[in-house]
Amino acid sequence: MLILDFINVGNGDSALIREVEDGTQTFAMLVDCGHDNLIRDDHSAELDPRSRRIYAGEFLKKQGVSHLDMLLLTHFHRDHVGGLGRVLDAVTVDKLVCTYIPPADSGDLEPDGDNGLPRAARNVLRCANMYAAMLREHPGRIKELVELPGDRQEFYQLTADLSMDVICGEPALYSRQKAVYDGAFRGERDRYSLMQWGKCMNISSLRQRLHYHGKEIVLGGDAYAVVWNNDMLAPCDILKVPHHASLSSTTRKLLEGLRPKTAVVSVAARRPDERPHPYIISLIREYAEDLYFTDAVDIPGLVEPMFHESVHIEIE
């Protein structure tokens, strides 16, 4: 059996994928770690008392998961890597897979110091700094660090029955990412490069297609719909909707290709930026038989709130 939990981390993404045989876990993978805070400072400061938001690390503990065979980071925005520290507090990891590994001797980037940088550039530094710091602060918790070059589709045979394709964006993105981050850790503060990379982070997001017993699960990361335009799209059974169902996340063309039977939106309720966007939700409903939200999203006349720690799906 394959068990999928799209964790209610509030703002951000984190999905736990486990294979279980006769009640025993035989494989576990986490894709992204959620935010470092259940309530973002630019969102509502109050949670509904019924809220069941939970940090990814705490969810792993509650599920009795103390070890991950793989931890995959799609990209380095705070709402995907911010919870890494709590995850590494909870579990050990065989293999961390991502598109950038900070230098082993990386120091504090001081993103909020007196550096004269605009907000967008500071945010790039802040995300990279948080990611690198959490790796430094958890020595020995990860057995192997794997930096994908981003110039090809990767294939992993995860178990006898479960395999995964990892799909990258434009190959040139990842060498650019490495140059920007390596430069930052060397002490460079090129405001233009940092700001431009900030605009590219979502389109560099890794995507995954999982294959299990004839079922197809697509995890869209934060890749905007335009990123998929040159892909050979095939129908899937489950789609983790890209980029929190923002207006740029999904198009009719994308849904025509993927034709998901079930769609899951990882998003914080009461976001002030139309994520999820009502038009995108209406569009998804034309294709998917079932549509779920990690948090208790409430769109009058369109979505009724549901309170849960995760969207839980089991596949035989």
C-alpha atoms as a PDB file:
ATOM      1  CA  MET A   1       0.000   0.000   0.000  1.00  0.00           C
ATOM      2  CA  LEU A   2       1.139   3.538  -0.775  1.00  0.00           C
ATOM      3  CA  ILE A   3       0.150   6.191   1.753  1.00  0.00           C
ATOM      4  CA  LEU A   4       0.219   9.866   0.791  1.00  0.00           C
ATOM      5  CA  ASP A   5      -0.098  12.625   3.373  1.00  0.00           C
ATOM      6  CA  PHE A   6      -0.190  16.189   2.099  1.00  0.00           C
ATOM      7  CA  ILE A   7       0.560  17.840   5.421  1.00  0.00           C
ATOM      8  CA  ASN A   8      -1.319  20.906   6.632  1.00  0.00           C
ATOM      9  CA  VAL A   9       1.726  23.075   7.286  1.00  0.00           C
ATOM     10  CA  GLY A  10      -0.328  26.207   6.733  1.00  0.00           C
ATOM     11  CA  ASN A  11       1.608  28.269   4.239  1.00  0.00           C
ATOM     12  CA  GLY A  12       3.871  26.028   2.174  1.00  0.00           C
ATOM     13  CA  ASP A  13       4.312  22.483   0.951  1.00  0.00           C
ATOM     14  CA  SER A  14       5.227  19.200   2.585  1.00  0.00           C
ATOM     15  CA  ALA A  15       4.156  15.739   1.441  1.00  0.00           C
ATOM     16  CA  LEU A  16       4.956  12.424   3.125  1.00  0.00           C
ATOM     17  CA  ILE A  17       4.995   9.345   0.884  1.00  0.00           C
ATOM     18  CA  ARG A  18       5.188   5.924   2.538  1.00  0.00           C
ATOM     19  CA  GLU A  19       5.012   2.347   1.324  1.00  0.00           C
ATOM     20  CA  VAL A  20       3.570  -0.051   3.875  1.00  0.00           C
ATOM     21  CA  GLU A  21       3.453  -3.856   3.680  1.00  0.00           C
ATOM     22  CA  ASP A  22       1.462  -5.878   6.220  1.00  0.00           C
ATOM     23  CA  GLY A  23       1.349  -2.872   8.523  1.00  0.00           C
ATOM     24  CA  THR A  24       5.117  -2.288   8.398  1.00  0.00           C
ATOM     25  CA  GLN A  25       6.635   0.785   6.786  1.00  0.00           C
ATOM     26  CA  THR A  26       9.123  -0.263   4.101  1.00  0.00           C
ATOM     27  CA  PHE A  27       9.881   3.151   2.576  1.00  0.00           C
ATOM     28  CA  ALA A  28       9.384   6.810   3.507  1.00  0.00           C
ATOM     29  CA  MET A  29      10.068   9.982   1.546  1.00  0.00           C
ATOM     30  CA  LEU A  30       9.301  13.601   2.384  1.00  0.00           C
ATOM     31  CA  VAL A  31       8.954  16.165  -0.387  1.00  0.00           C
ATOM     32  CA  ASP A  32       9.587  19.648   1.058  1.00  0.00           C
ATOM     33  CA  CYS A  33       9.371  20.683   4.695  1.00  0.00           C
ATOM     34  CA  GLY A  34       6.892  23.555   4.913  1.00  0.00           C
ATOM     35  CA  HIS A  35       7.454  26.970   6.485  1.00  0.00           C
ATOM     36  CA  ASP A  36       9.313  27.733   9.708  1.00  0.00           C
ATOM     37  CA  ASN A  37       6.156  29.330  11.146  1.00  0.00           C
ATOM     38  CA  LEU A  38       2.549  28.168  11.059  1.00  0.00           C
ATOM     39  CA  ILE A  39       1.414  31.792  10.780  1.00  0.00           C
ATOM     40  CA  ARG A  40       3.242  34.066   8.345  1.00  0.00           C
ATOM     41  CA  ASP A  41       3.715  37.671   9.337  1.00  0.00           C
ATOM     42  CA  ASP A  42       1.901  38.876   6.205  1.00  0.00           C
ATOM     43  CA  HIS A  43      -1.132  36.659   6.835  1.00  0.00           C
ATOM     44  CA  SER A  44      -3.888  36.827   9.408  1.00  0.00           C
ATOM     45  CA  ALA A  45      -2.399  36.756  12.905  1.00  0.00           C
ATOM     46  CA  GLU A  46      -5.248  34.654  14.230  1.00  0.00           C
ATOM     47  CA  LEU A  47      -5.957  31.001  13.538  1.00  0.00           C
ATOM     48  CA  ASP A  48      -9.428  29.507  13.662  1.00  0.00           C
ATOM     49  CA  PRO A  49      -9.578  27.633  16.998  1.00  0.00           C
ATOM     50  CA  ARG A  50     -10.463  24.514  15.006  1.00  0.00           C
ATOM     51  CA  SER A  51      -7.259  24.769  12.957  1.00  0.00           C
ATOM     52  CA  ARG A  52      -5.149  21.636  12.753  1.00  0.00           C
ATOM     53  CA  ARG A  53      -2.043  23.108  11.169  1.00  0.00           C
ATOM     54  CA  ILE A  54       1.094  21.234  12.158  1.00  0.00           C
ATOM     55  CA  TYR A  55       4.824  21.482  11.497  1.00  0.00           C
ATOM     56  CA  ALA A  56       6.111  18.760   9.186  1.00  0.00           C
ATOM     57  CA  GLY A  57       8.548  17.588  11.861  1.00  0.00           C
ATOM     58  CA  GLU A  58       5.753  17.246  14.415  1.00  0.00           C
ATOM     59  CA  PHE A  59       3.609  15.366  11.919  1.00  0.00           C
ATOM     60  CA  LEU A  60       6.441  12.883  11.334  1.00  0.00           C
ATOM     61  CA  LYS A  61       6.724  12.318  15.084  1.00  0.00           C
ATOM     62  CA  LYS A  62       2.978  11.747  15.436  1.00  0.00           C
ATOM     63  CA  GLN A  63       3.079   9.219  12.605  1.00  0.00           C
ATOM     64  CA  GLY A  64       5.962   7.353  14.232  1.00  0.00           C
ATOM     65  CA  VAL A  65       8.338   8.141  11.367  1.00  0.00           C
ATOM     66  CA  SER A  66      11.881   8.423  12.707  1.00  0.00           C
ATOM     67  CA  HIS A  67      13.782   7.798   9.470  1.00  0.00           C
ATOM     68  CA  LEU A  68      13.381   8.914   5.863  1.00  0.00           C
ATOM     69  CA  ASP A  69      14.860   7.018   2.951  1.00  0.00           C
ATOM     70  CA  MET A  70      14.754  10.233   0.944  1.00  0.00           C
ATOM     71  CA  LEU A  71      14.141  13.920   1.565  1.00  0.00           C
ATOM     72  CA  LEU A  72      13.562  15.896  -1.618  1.00  0.00           C
ATOM     73  CA  LEU A  73      13.607  19.694  -1.712  1.00  0.00           C
ATOM     74  CA  THR A  74      11.944  21.117  -4.811  1.00  0.00           C
ATOM     75  CA  HIS A  75      13.461  24.601  -4.406  1.00  0.00           C
ATOM     76  CA  PHE A  76      14.605  26.958  -1.677  1.00  0.00           C
ATOM     77  CA  HIS A  77      11.737  29.272  -0.860  1.00  0.00           C
ATOM     78  CA  ARG A  78      11.074  29.595   2.854  1.00  0.00           C
ATOM     79  CA  ASP A  79       7.677  27.891   2.657  1.00  0.00           C
ATOM     80  CA  HIS A  80       9.374  24.752   1.322  1.00  0.00           C
ATOM     81  CA  VAL A  81      12.636  24.637   3.326  1.00  0.00           C
ATOM     82  CA  GLY A  82      11.777  26.630   6.454  1.00  0.00           C
ATOM     83  CA  GLY A  83      10.648  23.514   8.324  1.00  0.00           C
ATOM     84  CA  LEU A  84      13.842  21.586   7.564  1.00  0.00           C
ATOM     85  CA  GLY A  85      15.273  22.094  11.042  1.00  0.00           C
ATOM     86  CA  ARG A  86      12.209  20.614  12.754  1.00  0.00           C
ATOM     87  CA  VAL A  87      12.240  17.723  10.292  1.00  0.00           C
ATOM     88  CA  LEU A  88      15.891  16.940  11.059  1.00  0.00           C
ATOM     89  CA  ASP A  89      15.099  17.156  14.773  1.00  0.00           C
ATOM     90  CA  ALA A  90      12.552  14.382  14.215  1.00  0.00           C
ATOM     91  CA  VAL A  91      14.224  12.045  11.725  1.00  0.00           C
ATOM     92  CA  THR A  92      17.462  10.826  10.227  1.00  0.00           C
ATOM     93  CA  VAL A  93      17.737  10.811   6.432  1.00  0.00           C
ATOM     94  CA  ASP A  94      19.486   8.434   4.064  1.00  0.00           C
ATOM     95  CA  LYS A  95      19.535  10.797   1.094  1.00  0.00           C
ATOM     96  CA  LEU A  96      18.800  14.501   0.640  1.00  0.00           C
ATOM     97  CA  VAL A  97      18.103  15.293  -3.018  1.00  0.00           C
ATOM     98  CA  CYS A  98      17.956  18.871  -4.299  1.00  0.00           C
ATOM     99  CA  THR A  99      19.528  21.226  -6.835  1.00  0.00           C
ATOM    100  CA  TYR A 100      21.985  23.001  -4.534  1.00  0.00           C
ATOM    101  CA  ILE A 101      24.137  21.983  -1.586  1.00  0.00           C
ATOM    102  CA  PRO A 102      25.718  24.890   0.346  1.00  0.00           C
ATOM    103  CA  PRO A 103      29.486  24.837   0.965  1.00  0.00           C
ATOM    104  CA  ALA A 104      30.360  22.761   4.024  1.00  0.00           C
ATOM    105  CA  ASP A 105      32.030  25.798   5.598  1.00  0.00           C
ATOM    106  CA  SER A 106      29.201  28.224   4.778  1.00  0.00           C
ATOM    107  CA  GLY A 107      28.789  31.050   7.257  1.00  0.00           C
ATOM    108  CA  ASP A 108      25.960  33.384   8.169  1.00  0.00           C
ATOM    109  CA  LEU A 109      24.827  35.463   5.187  1.00  0.00           C
ATOM    110  CA  GLU A 110      23.363  38.157   7.494  1.00  0.00           C
ATOM    111  CA  PRO A 111      20.432  38.855   5.167  1.00  0.00           C
ATOM    112  CA  ASP A 112      18.945  41.474   7.473  1.00  0.00           C
ATOM    113  CA  GLY A 113      22.160  43.305   8.221  1.00  0.00           C
ATOM    114  CA  ASP A 114      23.045  46.774   6.957  1.00  0.00           C
ATOM    115  CA  ASN A 115      23.744  45.563   3.418  1.00  0.00           C
ATOM    116  CA  GLY A 116      21.858  48.165   1.369  1.00  0.00           C
ATOM    117  CA  LEU A 117      19.952  45.488  -0.544  1.00  0.00           C
ATOM    118  CA  PRO A 118      16.299  45.737  -1.593  1.00  0.00           C
ATOM    119  CA  ARG A 119      13.711  43.449  -0.064  1.00  0.00           C
ATOM    120  CA  ALA A 120      13.680  40.938  -2.934  1.00  0.00           C
ATOM    121  CA  ALA A 121      17.447  40.439  -2.735  1.00  0.00           C
ATOM    122  CA  ARG A 122      17.331  40.105   1.041  1.00  0.00           C
ATOM    123  CA  ASN A 123      14.667  37.427   0.714  1.00  0.00           C
ATOM    124  CA  VAL A 124      16.895  35.313  -1.540  1.00  0.00           C
ATOM    125  CA  LEU A 125      19.689  35.585   1.027  1.00  0.00           C
ATOM    126  CA  ARG A 126      17.312  34.863   3.888  1.00  0.00           C
ATOM    127  CA  CYS A 127      16.051  31.625   2.327  1.00  0.00           C
ATOM    128  CA  ALA A 128      19.551  30.401   1.460  1.00  0.00           C
ATOM    129  CA  ASN A 129      20.844  31.374   4.880  1.00  0.00           C
ATOM    130  CA  MET A 130      18.064  29.493   6.657  1.00  0.00           C
ATOM    131  CA  TYR A 131      18.607  26.375   4.551  1.00  0.00           C
ATOM    132  CA  ALA A 132      22.389  26.328   5.061  1.00  0.00           C
ATOM    133  CA  ALA A 133      22.096  27.027   8.788  1.00  0.00           C
ATOM    134  CA  MET A 134      19.721  24.117   9.353  1.00  0.00           C
ATOM    135  CA  LEU A 135      22.118  21.748   7.591  1.00  0.00           C
ATOM    136  CA  ARG A 136      25.039  23.024   9.712  1.00  0.00           C
ATOM    137  CA  GLU A 137      23.049  22.703  12.913  1.00  0.00           C
ATOM    138  CA  HIS A 138      22.167  19.039  12.294  1.00  0.00           C
ATOM    139  CA  PRO A 139      25.463  17.279  11.590  1.00  0.00           C
ATOM    140  CA  GLY A 140      25.198  13.555  11.031  1.00  0.00           C
ATOM    141  CA  ARG A 141      21.433  13.561  10.509  1.00  0.00           C
ATOM    142  CA  ILE A 142      21.751  13.158   6.724  1.00  0.00           C
ATOM    143  CA  LYS A 143      23.831  10.297   5.350  1.00  0.00           C
ATOM    144  CA  GLU A 144      24.182  11.513   1.755  1.00  0.00           C
ATOM    145  CA  LEU A 145      23.696  14.900   0.076  1.00  0.00           C
ATOM    146  CA  VAL A 146      22.864  14.723  -3.640  1.00  0.00           C
ATOM    147  CA  GLU A 147      23.018  17.857  -5.792  1.00  0.00           C
ATOM    148  CA  LEU A 148      21.170  17.366  -9.071  1.00  0.00           C
ATOM    149  CA  PRO A 149      22.745  19.165 -12.039  1.00  0.00           C
ATOM    150  CA  GLY A 150      19.342  20.034 -13.487  1.00  0.00           C
ATOM    151  CA  ASP A 151      20.348  19.186 -17.039  1.00  0.00           C
ATOM    152  CA  ARG A 152      18.297  16.004 -17.362  1.00  0.00           C
ATOM    153  CA  GLN A 153      15.284  14.146 -16.034  1.00  0.00           C
ATOM    154  CA  GLU A 154      16.235  11.910 -13.112  1.00  0.00           C
ATOM    155  CA  PHE A 155      14.787   8.457 -12.448  1.00  0.00           C
ATOM    156  CA  TYR A 156      14.687   6.666  -9.095  1.00  0.00           C
ATOM    157  CA  GLN A 157      13.536   3.120  -8.475  1.00  0.00           C
ATOM    158  CA  LEU A 158      12.506   3.738  -4.892  1.00  0.00           C
ATOM    159  CA  THR A 159      11.143   0.256  -4.139  1.00  0.00           C
ATOM    160  CA  ALA A 160      10.193  -2.784  -6.207  1.00  0.00           C
ATOM    161  CA  ASP A 161       6.758  -1.233  -6.835  1.00  0.00           C
ATOM    162  CA  LEU A 162       7.410   2.512  -6.532  1.00  0.00           C
ATOM    163  CA  SER A 163       9.417   4.612  -8.960  1.00  0.00           C
ATOM    164  CA  MET A 164       9.815   8.336  -9.508  1.00  0.00           C
ATOM    165  CA  ASP A 165      10.769  10.694 -12.307  1.00  0.00           C
ATOM    166  CA  VAL A 166      12.201  14.033 -11.173  1.00  0.00           C
ATOM    167  CA  ILE A 167      11.631  16.726 -13.781  1.00  0.00           C
ATOM    168  CA  CYS A 168      13.743  19.865 -13.842  1.00  0.00           C
ATOM    169  CA  GLY A 169      13.094  23.215 -15.471  1.00  0.00           C
ATOM    170  CA  GLU A 170      15.312  24.951 -18.033  1.00  0.00           C
ATOM    171  CA  PRO A 171      18.850  23.546 -17.516  1.00  0.00           C
ATOM    172  CA  ALA A 172      20.498  26.971 -17.515  1.00  0.00           C
ATOM    173  CA  LEU A 173      18.582  27.862 -14.355  1.00  0.00           C
ATOM    174  CA  TYR A 174      20.602  25.563 -12.121  1.00  0.00           C
ATOM    175  CA  SER A 175      24.056  26.770 -13.095  1.00  0.00           C
ATOM    176  CA  ARG A 176      22.759  30.301 -12.549  1.00  0.00           C
ATOM    177  CA  GLN A 177      21.373  29.302  -9.150  1.00  0.00           C
ATOM    178  CA  LYS A 178      24.738  27.813  -8.157  1.00  0.00           C
ATOM    179  CA  ALA A 179      26.608  30.938  -9.234  1.00  0.00           C
ATOM    180  CA  VAL A 180      24.291  33.211  -7.237  1.00  0.00           C
ATOM    181  CA  TYR A 181      24.345  31.110  -4.069  1.00  0.00           C
ATOM    182  CA  ASP A 182      28.058  30.313  -4.208  1.00  0.00           C
ATOM    183  CA  GLY A 183      28.751  34.007  -4.717  1.00  0.00           C
ATOM    184  CA  ALA A 184      26.622  34.910  -1.716  1.00  0.00           C
ATOM    185  CA  PHE A 185      28.475  32.437   0.504  1.00  0.00           C
ATOM    186  CA  ARG A 186      31.750  33.970  -0.683  1.00  0.00           C
ATOM    187  CA  GLY A 187      30.498  37.321   0.565  1.00  0.00           C
ATOM    188  CA  GLU A 188      29.354  38.810  -2.743  1.00  0.00           C
ATOM    189  CA  ARG A 189      26.297  41.068  -2.684  1.00  0.00           C
ATOM    190  CA  ASP A 190      25.295  41.584  -6.312  1.00  0.00           C
ATOM    191  CA  ARG A 191      21.857  43.115  -5.940  1.00  0.00           C
ATOM    192  CA  TYR A 192      20.929  42.600  -9.596  1.00  0.00           C
ATOM    193  CA  SER A 193      21.827  38.895  -9.614  1.00  0.00           C
ATOM    194  CA  LEU A 194      20.048  38.299  -6.329  1.00  0.00           C
ATOM    195  CA  MET A 195      16.902  40.109  -7.443  1.00  0.00           C
ATOM    196  CA  GLN A 196      16.832  38.337 -10.798  1.00  0.00           C
ATOM    197  CA  TRP A 197      17.292  34.957  -9.172  1.00  0.00           C
ATOM    198  CA  GLY A 198      14.442  35.742  -6.816  1.00  0.00           C
ATOM    199  CA  LYS A 199      12.189  35.914  -9.883  1.00  0.00           C
ATOM    200  CA  CYS A 200      13.413  32.500 -11.066  1.00  0.00           C
ATOM    201  CA  MET A 201      13.046  30.426  -7.915  1.00  0.00           C
ATOM    202  CA  ASN A 202       9.581  29.076  -8.643  1.00  0.00           C
ATOM    203  CA  ILE A 203      10.321  28.213 -12.265  1.00  0.00           C
ATOM    204  CA  SER A 204      13.376  26.257 -11.069  1.00  0.00           C
ATOM    205  CA  SER A 205      11.145  24.103  -8.847  1.00  0.00           C
ATOM    206  CA  LEU A 206      11.533  20.375  -9.320  1.00  0.00           C
ATOM    207  CA  ARG A 207       8.459  18.348 -10.221  1.00  0.00           C
ATOM    208  CA  GLN A 208       7.900  14.641  -9.583  1.00  0.00           C
ATOM    209  CA  ARG A 209       5.861  11.886 -11.199  1.00  0.00           C
ATOM    210  CA  LEU A 210       5.447   8.795  -9.052  1.00  0.00           C
ATOM    211  CA  HIS A 211       4.432   5.419 -10.475  1.00  0.00           C
ATOM    212  CA  TYR A 212       2.814   2.806  -8.231  1.00  0.00           C
ATOM    213  CA  HIS A 213       0.712  -0.215  -9.229  1.00  0.00           C
ATOM    214  CA  GLY A 214      -0.465   1.487 -12.409  1.00  0.00           C
ATOM    215  CA  LYS A 215      -1.304   4.746 -10.621  1.00  0.00           C
ATOM    216  CA  GLU A 216       0.369   8.052 -11.502  1.00  0.00           C
ATOM    217  CA  ILE A 217       0.928  10.805  -8.927  1.00  0.00           C
ATOM    218  CA  VAL A 218       2.219  14.191 -10.084  1.00  0.00           C
ATOM    219  CA  LEU A 219       3.683  16.640  -7.582  1.00  0.00           C
ATOM    220  CA  GLY A 220       3.861  20.041  -9.229  1.00  0.00           C
ATOM    221  CA  GLY A 221       6.090  21.902  -6.772  1.00  0.00           C
ATOM    222  CA  ASP A 222       5.825  25.637  -7.389  1.00  0.00           C
ATOM    223  CA  ALA A 223       6.365  25.444 -11.162  1.00  0.00           C
ATOM    224  CA  TYR A 224       4.068  27.870 -12.970  1.00  0.00           C
ATOM    225  CA  ALA A 225       1.897  26.472 -15.757  1.00  0.00           C
ATOM    226  CA  VAL A 226       4.152  27.975 -18.431  1.00  0.00           C
ATOM    227  CA  VAL A 227       7.017  25.733 -17.261  1.00  0.00           C
ATOM    228  CA  TRP A 228       5.052  22.670 -18.399  1.00  0.00           C
ATOM    229  CA  ASN A 229       4.426  23.950 -21.951  1.00  0.00           C
ATOM    230  CA  ASN A 230       7.140  21.870 -23.636  1.00  0.00           C
ATOM    231  CA  ASP A 231       6.470  18.711 -21.618  1.00  0.00           C
ATOM    232  CA  MET A 232       4.843  15.595 -22.978  1.00  0.00           C
ATOM    233  CA  LEU A 233       1.917  15.517 -20.573  1.00  0.00           C
ATOM    234  CA  ALA A 234       0.170  12.277 -19.691  1.00  0.00           C
ATOM    235  CA  PRO A 235      -2.941  11.744 -17.554  1.00  0.00           C
ATOM    236  CA  CYS A 236      -2.434  11.180 -13.841  1.00  0.00           C
ATOM    237  CA  ASP A 237      -4.545   9.891 -10.988  1.00  0.00           C
ATOM    238  CA  ILE A 238      -3.472  12.448  -8.371  1.00  0.00           C
ATOM    239  CA  LEU A 239      -2.129  15.967  -8.907  1.00  0.00           C
ATOM    240  CA  LYS A 240      -0.585  18.151  -6.241  1.00  0.00           C
ATOM    241  CA  VAL A 241      -1.583  21.432  -7.881  1.00  0.00           C
ATOM    242  CA  PRO A 242       1.403  23.680  -8.632  1.00  0.00           C
ATOM    243  CA  HIS A 243       2.114  26.856  -6.670  1.00  0.00           C
ATOM    244  CA  HIS A 244      -0.792  26.789  -4.224  1.00  0.00           C
ATOM    245  CA  ALA A 245      -3.375  27.140  -7.044  1.00  0.00           C
ATOM    246  CA  SER A 246      -2.337  30.710  -7.811  1.00  0.00           C
ATOM    247  CA  LEU A 247      -3.615  32.311 -11.014  1.00  0.00           C
ATOM    248  CA  SER A 248      -0.318  31.494 -12.773  1.00  0.00           C
ATOM    249  CA  SER A 249      -0.223  27.902 -11.518  1.00  0.00           C
ATOM    250  CA  THR A 250      -2.607  26.157 -13.848  1.00  0.00           C
ATOM    251  CA  THR A 251      -4.167  26.474 -17.276  1.00  0.00           C
ATOM    252  CA  ARG A 252      -6.778  24.562 -19.195  1.00  0.00           C
ATOM    253  CA  LYS A 253      -3.990  23.262 -21.455  1.00  0.00           C
ATOM    254  CA  LEU A 254      -2.157  21.814 -18.445  1.00  0.00           C
ATOM    255  CA  LEU A 255      -5.289  20.182 -17.079  1.00  0.00           C
ATOM    256  CA  GLU A 256      -6.200  18.804 -20.511  1.00  0.00           C
ATOM    257  CA  GLY A 257      -2.872  16.992 -20.508  1.00  0.00           C
ATOM    258  CA  LEU A 258      -2.803  15.806 -16.895  1.00  0.00           C
ATOM    259  CA  ARG A 259      -6.537  15.128 -16.461  1.00  0.00           C
ATOM    260  CA  PRO A 260      -6.225  14.356 -12.727  1.00  0.00           C
ATOM    261  CA  LYS A 261      -8.892  12.297 -11.051  1.00  0.00           C
ATOM    262  CA  THR A 262      -7.938  13.799  -7.682  1.00  0.00           C
ATOM    263  CA  ALA A 263      -6.361  17.216  -7.081  1.00  0.00           C
ATOM    264  CA  VAL A 264      -4.775  18.446  -3.859  1.00  0.00           C
ATOM    265  CA  VAL A 265      -3.983  22.091  -3.135  1.00  0.00           C
ATOM    266  CA  SER A 266      -1.350  22.799  -0.491  1.00  0.00           C
ATOM    267  CA  VAL A 267      -2.203  26.261   0.790  1.00  0.00           C
ATOM    268  CA  ALA A 268      -2.891  28.271   3.923  1.00  0.00           C
ATOM    269  CA  ALA A 269      -6.467  29.310   4.580  1.00  0.00           C
ATOM    270  CA  ARG A 270      -7.179  33.041   4.605  1.00  0.00           C
ATOM    271  CA  ARG A 271      -4.170  33.976   2.490  1.00  0.00           C
ATOM    272  CA  PRO A 272      -4.505  37.604   1.361  1.00  0.00           C
ATOM    273  CA  ASP A 273      -3.165  37.007  -2.167  1.00  0.00           C
ATOM    274  CA  GLU A 274      -5.862  34.886  -3.849  1.00  0.00           C
ATOM    275  CA  ARG A 275      -4.090  31.594  -3.370  1.00  0.00           C
ATOM    276  CA  PRO A 276      -6.061  29.527  -4.091  1.00  0.00           C
ATOM    277  CA  HIS A 277      -7.528  31.627  -6.890  1.00  0.00           C
ATOM    278  CA  PRO A 278     -11.293  31.084  -7.348  1.00  0.00           C
ATOM    279  CA  TYR A 279     -10.974  30.836 -11.139  1.00  0.00           C
ATOM    280  CA  ILE A 280      -8.297  28.136 -10.885  1.00  0.00           C
ATOM    281  CA  ILE A 281     -10.404  26.182  -8.410  1.00  0.00           C
ATOM    282  CA  SER A 282     -13.396  26.358 -10.758  1.00  0.00           C
ATOM    283  CA  LEU A 283     -11.178  25.208 -13.627  1.00  0.00           C
ATOM    284  CA  ILE A 284      -9.774  22.258 -11.678  1.00  0.00           C
ATOM    285  CA  ARG A 285     -13.312  21.187 -10.760  1.00  0.00           C
ATOM    286  CA  GLU A 286     -14.089  20.754 -14.452  1.00  0.00           C
ATOM    287  CA  TYR A 287     -11.510  17.945 -14.592  1.00  0.00           C
ATOM    288  CA  ALA A 288     -10.962  16.416 -11.145  1.00  0.00           C
ATOM    289  CA  GLU A 289     -13.577  14.239  -9.503  1.00  0.00           C
ATOM    290  CA  ASP A 290     -12.189  15.071  -6.065  1.00  0.00           C
ATOM    291  CA  LEU A 291     -10.527  18.273  -4.870  1.00  0.00           C
ATOM    292  CA  TYR A 292      -8.903  18.659  -1.454  1.00  0.00           C
ATOM    293  CA  PHE A 293      -7.105  21.444   0.406  1.00  0.00           C
ATOM    294  CA  THR A 294      -4.484  20.923   3.086  1.00  0.00           C
ATOM    295  CA  ASP A 295      -5.808  23.798   5.205  1.00  0.00           C
ATOM    296  CA  ALA A 296      -9.402  24.840   5.945  1.00  0.00           C
ATOM    297  CA  VAL A 297      -9.909  27.009   2.866  1.00  0.00           C
ATOM    298  CA  ASP A 298     -13.243  28.801   2.751  1.00  0.00           C
ATOM    299  CA  ILE A 299     -14.452  30.326  -0.517  1.00  0.00           C
ATOM    300  CA  PRO A 300     -18.188  31.079  -0.155  1.00  0.00           C
ATOM    301  CA  GLY A 301     -20.200  29.227  -2.762  1.00  0.00           C
ATOM    302  CA  LEU A 302     -17.143  27.322  -3.985  1.00  0.00           C
ATOM    303  CA  VAL A 303     -15.211  25.667  -1.123  1.00  0.00           C
ATOM    304  CA  GLU A 304     -16.341  24.633   2.349  1.00  0.00           C
ATOM    305  CA  PRO A 305     -13.608  24.489   5.040  1.00  0.00           C
ATOM    306  CA  MET A 306     -12.349  21.095   6.237  1.00  0.00           C
ATOM    307  CA  PHE A 307     -10.108  20.829   9.297  1.00  0.00           C
ATOM    308  CA  HIS A 308      -7.447  18.129   9.209  1.00  0.00           C
ATOM    309  CA  GLU A 309      -3.711  17.622   9.774  1.00  0.00           C
ATOM    310  CA  SER A 310      -3.243  16.222   6.281  1.00  0.00           C
ATOM    311  CA  VAL A 311      -4.994  15.193   3.121  1.00  0.00           C
ATOM    312  CA  HIS A 312      -4.605  11.446   3.552  1.00  0.00           C
ATOM    313  CA  ILE A 313      -4.801   9.153   0.507  1.00  0.00           C
ATOM    314  CA  GLU A 314      -4.173   5.406   0.346  1.00  0.00           C
ATOM    315  CA  ILE A 315      -3.425   3.467  -2.835  1.00  0.00           C
ATOM    316  CA  GLU A 316      -3.512  -0.335  -2.907  1.00  0.00           C
END
